[in-house]
């Protein structure tokens, strides 16, 4: 695969994620949009790493570690959203805006 294909896929993922994050008011949909944006960045990073060092597996390992950390972070985010919904019956970002402190 060429670098242009990687960057095109990364731009598409990032664009769809950005649209989803900016257009939705549901907290779950916002988190899904952020997940797509981060996936787009990871695809671009993997493409660049493949271009710089095609024989080494360093970039692949780094991307796998980043995906693992991202999955853990999203699991924690969904846990917070679930706890927020159970405590306050809030599922949109406007109602969750008073969470300070």
C-alpha atoms as a PDB file:
ATOM      1  CA  UNK A   1       0.000   0.000   0.000  1.00  0.00           C
ATOM      2  CA  UNK A   2       1.185   3.471  -0.723  1.00  0.00           C
ATOM      3  CA  UNK A   3       1.448   6.290   1.763  1.00  0.00           C
ATOM      4  CA  UNK A   4      -1.322   8.143  -0.078  1.00  0.00           C
ATOM      5  CA  UNK A   5      -3.768   5.297   0.589  1.00  0.00           C
ATOM      6  CA  UNK A   6      -2.930   5.350   4.296  1.00  0.00           C
ATOM      7  CA  UNK A   7      -3.347   9.112   4.469  1.00  0.00           C
ATOM      8  CA  UNK A   8      -6.610   9.011   2.533  1.00  0.00           C
ATOM      9  CA  UNK A   9      -8.018   6.414   4.933  1.00  0.00           C
ATOM     10  CA  UNK A  10      -6.747   8.408   7.911  1.00  0.00           C
ATOM     11  CA  UNK A  11      -8.322  11.615   6.601  1.00  0.00           C
ATOM     12  CA  UNK A  12     -11.637   9.848   5.999  1.00  0.00           C
ATOM     13  CA  UNK A  13     -11.667   8.363   9.506  1.00  0.00           C
ATOM     14  CA  UNK A  14     -10.700  11.669  11.095  1.00  0.00           C
ATOM     15  CA  UNK A  15     -13.314  13.597   9.086  1.00  0.00           C
ATOM     16  CA  UNK A  16     -16.137  11.214   9.951  1.00  0.00           C
ATOM     17  CA  UNK A  17     -15.081  11.283  13.609  1.00  0.00           C
ATOM     18  CA  UNK A  18     -14.911  15.069  13.656  1.00  0.00           C
ATOM     19  CA  UNK A  19     -18.357  15.342  12.108  1.00  0.00           C
ATOM     20  CA  UNK A  20     -19.713  12.838  14.619  1.00  0.00           C
ATOM     21  CA  UNK A  21     -18.120  14.581  17.586  1.00  0.00           C
ATOM     22  CA  UNK A  22     -19.350  18.039  16.575  1.00  0.00           C
ATOM     23  CA  UNK A  23     -22.845  17.153  15.412  1.00  0.00           C
ATOM     24  CA  UNK A  24     -24.057  14.809  18.148  1.00  0.00           C
ATOM     25  CA  UNK A  25     -25.260  15.727  21.626  1.00  0.00           C
ATOM     26  CA  UNK A  26     -25.263  12.204  23.030  1.00  0.00           C
ATOM     27  CA  UNK A  27     -22.240  11.530  25.195  1.00  0.00           C
ATOM     28  CA  UNK A  28     -21.848   8.031  23.767  1.00  0.00           C
ATOM     29  CA  UNK A  29     -21.862   9.339  20.181  1.00  0.00           C
ATOM     30  CA  UNK A  30     -19.330  12.009  21.180  1.00  0.00           C
ATOM     31  CA  UNK A  31     -17.012   9.321  22.530  1.00  0.00           C
ATOM     32  CA  UNK A  32     -17.463   7.280  19.352  1.00  0.00           C
ATOM     33  CA  UNK A  33     -16.520  10.307  17.256  1.00  0.00           C
ATOM     34  CA  UNK A  34     -13.401  10.843  19.355  1.00  0.00           C
ATOM     35  CA  UNK A  35     -12.528   7.165  18.935  1.00  0.00           C
ATOM     36  CA  UNK A  36     -12.735   7.492  15.146  1.00  0.00           C
ATOM     37  CA  UNK A  37     -10.551  10.603  15.205  1.00  0.00           C
ATOM     38  CA  UNK A  38      -7.876   8.831  17.250  1.00  0.00           C
ATOM     39  CA  UNK A  39      -8.057   5.831  14.901  1.00  0.00           C
ATOM     40  CA  UNK A  40      -7.439   8.173  11.975  1.00  0.00           C
ATOM     41  CA  UNK A  41      -4.347   9.554  13.684  1.00  0.00           C
ATOM     42  CA  UNK A  42      -3.080   6.044  14.384  1.00  0.00           C
ATOM     43  CA  UNK A  43      -3.547   4.993  10.754  1.00  0.00           C
ATOM     44  CA  UNK A  44      -1.590   8.063   9.625  1.00  0.00           C
ATOM     45  CA  UNK A  45       1.173   7.326  12.150  1.00  0.00           C
ATOM     46  CA  UNK A  46       1.374   3.702  11.009  1.00  0.00           C
ATOM     47  CA  UNK A  47       1.556   4.815   7.378  1.00  0.00           C
ATOM     48  CA  UNK A  48       4.370   7.244   8.081  1.00  0.00           C
ATOM     49  CA  UNK A  49       6.228   4.681  10.142  1.00  0.00           C
ATOM     50  CA  UNK A  50       5.915   2.141   7.350  1.00  0.00           C
ATOM     51  CA  UNK A  51       7.334   4.738   4.951  1.00  0.00           C
ATOM     52  CA  UNK A  52      10.273   5.604   7.221  1.00  0.00           C
ATOM     53  CA  UNK A  53      11.206   2.112   8.402  1.00  0.00           C
ATOM     54  CA  UNK A  54       9.530  -0.648   6.345  1.00  0.00           C
ATOM     55  CA  UNK A  55      11.704  -3.473   7.678  1.00  0.00           C
ATOM     56  CA  UNK A  56      11.351  -2.767  11.406  1.00  0.00           C
ATOM     57  CA  UNK A  57       8.419  -3.723  13.576  1.00  0.00           C
ATOM     58  CA  UNK A  58       8.876  -0.790  15.970  1.00  0.00           C
ATOM     59  CA  UNK A  59       6.023   1.219  14.493  1.00  0.00           C
ATOM     60  CA  UNK A  60       3.637  -1.725  14.548  1.00  0.00           C
ATOM     61  CA  UNK A  61       4.370  -2.365  18.212  1.00  0.00           C
ATOM     62  CA  UNK A  62       3.899   1.310  19.034  1.00  0.00           C
ATOM     63  CA  UNK A  63       0.547   1.392  17.214  1.00  0.00           C
ATOM     64  CA  UNK A  64      -0.617  -1.760  19.023  1.00  0.00           C
ATOM     65  CA  UNK A  65       0.313  -0.236  22.383  1.00  0.00           C
ATOM     66  CA  UNK A  66      -1.509   2.975  21.452  1.00  0.00           C
ATOM     67  CA  UNK A  67      -4.618   1.021  20.413  1.00  0.00           C
ATOM     68  CA  UNK A  68      -4.541  -0.890  23.701  1.00  0.00           C
ATOM     69  CA  UNK A  69      -4.251   2.311  25.728  1.00  0.00           C
ATOM     70  CA  UNK A  70      -7.011   3.882  23.634  1.00  0.00           C
ATOM     71  CA  UNK A  71      -9.313   0.914  24.269  1.00  0.00           C
ATOM     72  CA  UNK A  72      -8.716   1.163  28.011  1.00  0.00           C
ATOM     73  CA  UNK A  73      -9.347   4.898  27.938  1.00  0.00           C
ATOM     74  CA  UNK A  74     -12.613   4.457  26.049  1.00  0.00           C
ATOM     75  CA  UNK A  75     -13.721   1.724  28.467  1.00  0.00           C
ATOM     76  CA  UNK A  76     -13.147   4.129  31.359  1.00  0.00           C
ATOM     77  CA  UNK A  77     -15.031   6.844  29.485  1.00  0.00           C
ATOM     78  CA  UNK A  78     -18.015   4.576  28.922  1.00  0.00           C
ATOM     79  CA  UNK A  79     -17.924   3.589  32.600  1.00  0.00           C
ATOM     80  CA  UNK A  80     -18.103   7.257  33.594  1.00  0.00           C
ATOM     81  CA  UNK A  81     -20.970   7.842  31.144  1.00  0.00           C
ATOM     82  CA  UNK A  82     -22.835   4.834  32.530  1.00  0.00           C
ATOM     83  CA  UNK A  83     -22.345   6.036  36.100  1.00  0.00           C
ATOM     84  CA  UNK A  84     -23.488   9.529  35.100  1.00  0.00           C
ATOM     85  CA  UNK A  85     -26.590   8.128  33.437  1.00  0.00           C
ATOM     86  CA  UNK A  86     -27.466   5.972  36.425  1.00  0.00           C
ATOM     87  CA  UNK A  87     -26.921   8.762  38.946  1.00  0.00           C
ATOM     88  CA  UNK A  88     -28.563  11.686  37.142  1.00  0.00           C
ATOM     89  CA  UNK A  89     -30.429  10.153  34.183  1.00  0.00           C
ATOM     90  CA  UNK A  90     -28.339  12.356  31.875  1.00  0.00           C
ATOM     91  CA  UNK A  91     -27.397  11.223  28.383  1.00  0.00           C
ATOM     92  CA  UNK A  92     -26.730  14.478  26.501  1.00  0.00           C
ATOM     93  CA  UNK A  93     -23.752  16.790  26.817  1.00  0.00           C
ATOM     94  CA  UNK A  94     -25.769  19.915  27.661  1.00  0.00           C
ATOM     95  CA  UNK A  95     -27.162  18.337  30.821  1.00  0.00           C
ATOM     96  CA  UNK A  96     -23.775  16.997  31.878  1.00  0.00           C
ATOM     97  CA  UNK A  97     -22.137  20.433  31.677  1.00  0.00           C
ATOM     98  CA  UNK A  98     -22.583  21.228  35.375  1.00  0.00           C
ATOM     99  CA  UNK A  99     -20.063  18.592  36.458  1.00  0.00           C
ATOM    100  CA  UNK A 100     -17.395  20.755  38.045  1.00  0.00           C
ATOM    101  CA  UNK A 101     -14.865  19.853  40.675  1.00  0.00           C
END
